[in-house]
Amino acid sequence: MLTLQCPYCGVDAEETELHAEGEAHLKRFGPGSSDDDFETYLFMRENPKGVHFERWRHSNGCGKFFHAARSTTTLEVFGTYSAQTYEPPQDIKDKITAKYPGWSWREFA
């Protein structure tokens, strides 16, 4: 079972206490954006075999949203962090690089 630590309340929560909200760090487009930009936002998602950044909600706890970096193949969790960040913290990116040299995900590496 997947266990993630909520960065807000510090609880190690099993996935039954959480709600997966999809891919993290999506670029949202405002009014006046093109149809192609809006289509990309709605439908185009990463679906990697390996490192992935996801948005989660601690639904049976504090109720706050947070991001998690994990491997989709091994369920290894590299860390969790606030949802109010524009990119993963450097220490999490360093952990991923140590385990998977040369990895990349969108603009993060």
Protein backbone atom coordinates (compact mmCIF):
# COMPACT_ATOMS: atom_id res chain seq x y z
CA MET A 1 0.00 0.00 0.00
CA LEU A 2 1.21 3.49 -0.83
CA THR A 3 2.02 5.65 2.20
CA LEU A 4 2.63 9.38 1.87
CA GLN A 5 3.55 11.90 4.55
CA CYS A 6 1.37 14.99 4.61
CA PRO A 7 3.75 17.99 4.60
CA TYR A 8 1.24 20.08 6.57
CA CYS A 9 0.18 17.90 9.49
CA GLY A 10 3.12 15.43 9.37
CA VAL A 11 0.92 12.32 9.37
CA ASP A 12 2.10 9.23 7.48
CA ALA A 13 -1.16 8.51 5.67
CA GLU A 14 -2.08 5.39 3.74
CA GLU A 15 -3.60 5.88 0.32
CA THR A 16 -7.07 5.10 1.74
CA GLU A 17 -6.85 8.37 3.73
CA LEU A 18 -5.81 10.35 0.66
CA HIS A 19 -7.36 11.27 -2.66
CA ALA A 20 -5.29 11.34 -5.84
CA GLU A 21 -5.91 14.52 -7.80
CA GLY A 22 -3.81 13.80 -10.90
CA GLU A 23 -0.67 15.28 -12.33
CA ALA A 24 1.11 18.11 -10.49
CA HIS A 25 2.54 21.33 -11.92
CA LEU A 26 0.10 21.76 -14.80
CA LYS A 27 0.31 25.09 -16.60
CA ARG A 28 -3.10 26.72 -16.57
CA PHE A 29 -4.06 29.20 -19.27
CA GLY A 30 -6.22 32.24 -18.65
CA PRO A 31 -8.83 34.11 -20.67
CA GLY A 32 -7.81 34.80 -24.23
CA SER A 33 -5.73 31.65 -24.56
CA SER A 34 -5.90 29.65 -27.75
CA ASP A 35 -8.03 26.54 -28.20
CA ASP A 36 -4.82 24.50 -28.54
CA ASP A 37 -3.55 25.75 -25.15
CA PHE A 38 -6.87 24.91 -23.51
CA GLU A 39 -6.95 21.46 -25.14
CA THR A 40 -3.41 20.79 -23.90
CA TYR A 41 -4.40 21.81 -20.35
CA LEU A 42 -7.51 19.61 -20.36
CA PHE A 43 -6.27 16.46 -22.05
CA MET A 44 -2.50 16.19 -22.36
CA ARG A 45 -0.96 14.43 -19.37
CA GLU A 46 2.33 12.73 -18.66
CA ASN A 47 1.99 9.02 -18.05
CA PRO A 48 5.54 7.97 -17.34
CA LYS A 49 6.96 4.64 -16.38
CA GLY A 50 9.20 5.91 -13.62
CA VAL A 51 9.37 9.23 -11.78
CA HIS A 52 6.11 11.18 -11.64
CA PHE A 53 4.89 14.28 -9.79
CA GLU A 54 1.33 14.02 -8.51
CA ARG A 55 -1.19 16.17 -6.67
CA TRP A 56 -2.83 14.60 -3.60
CA ARG A 57 -5.36 15.69 -0.99
CA HIS A 58 -5.27 14.55 2.64
CA SER A 59 -9.03 14.01 2.54
CA ASN A 60 -9.40 12.09 5.83
CA GLY A 61 -7.02 14.37 7.69
CA CYS A 62 -6.24 18.06 7.41
CA GLY A 63 -7.93 18.31 3.99
CA LYS A 64 -5.06 20.17 2.33
CA PHE A 65 -3.59 19.57 -1.11
CA PHE A 66 0.06 18.63 -1.55
CA HIS A 67 2.42 17.25 -4.18
CA ALA A 68 4.31 13.96 -4.12
CA ALA A 69 7.26 12.72 -6.16
CA ARG A 70 7.26 8.97 -6.61
CA SER A 71 8.17 6.18 -8.97
CA THR A 72 5.19 4.65 -10.74
CA THR A 73 7.03 1.34 -11.18
CA THR A 74 8.26 0.74 -7.62
CA LEU A 75 5.95 3.04 -5.58
CA GLU A 76 9.11 4.51 -4.01
CA VAL A 77 8.29 7.95 -2.62
CA PHE A 78 11.01 10.58 -2.98
CA GLY A 79 9.17 13.17 -0.93
CA THR A 80 6.09 15.32 -0.48
CA TYR A 81 5.86 19.10 -0.51
CA SER A 82 3.43 22.00 -0.50
CA ALA A 83 1.06 22.39 -3.43
CA GLN A 84 1.82 26.11 -3.50
CA THR A 85 5.22 25.60 -5.15
CA TYR A 86 6.01 26.06 -8.82
CA GLU A 87 8.54 23.25 -8.97
CA PRO A 88 9.76 20.40 -6.77
CA PRO A 89 12.23 21.28 -4.00
CA GLN A 90 15.90 20.80 -4.87
CA ASP A 91 16.42 18.08 -2.22
CA ILE A 92 13.73 15.93 -3.84
CA LYS A 93 15.19 16.45 -7.30
CA ASP A 94 18.62 15.48 -5.89
CA LYS A 95 17.18 12.24 -4.42
CA ILE A 96 15.66 11.35 -7.78
CA THR A 97 18.87 12.13 -9.65
CA ALA A 98 20.87 9.97 -7.24
CA LYS A 99 18.57 7.02 -7.93
CA TYR A 100 17.88 7.66 -11.64
CA PRO A 101 20.76 9.60 -13.25
CA GLY A 102 19.65 11.47 -16.36
CA TRP A 103 15.94 11.46 -15.53
CA SER A 104 13.72 14.24 -16.80
CA TRP A 105 10.09 15.21 -16.39
CA ARG A 106 8.75 18.16 -18.32
CA GLU A 107 11.07 21.06 -17.51
CA PHE A 108 12.32 19.61 -14.21
CA ALA A 109 15.59 17.69 -13.99
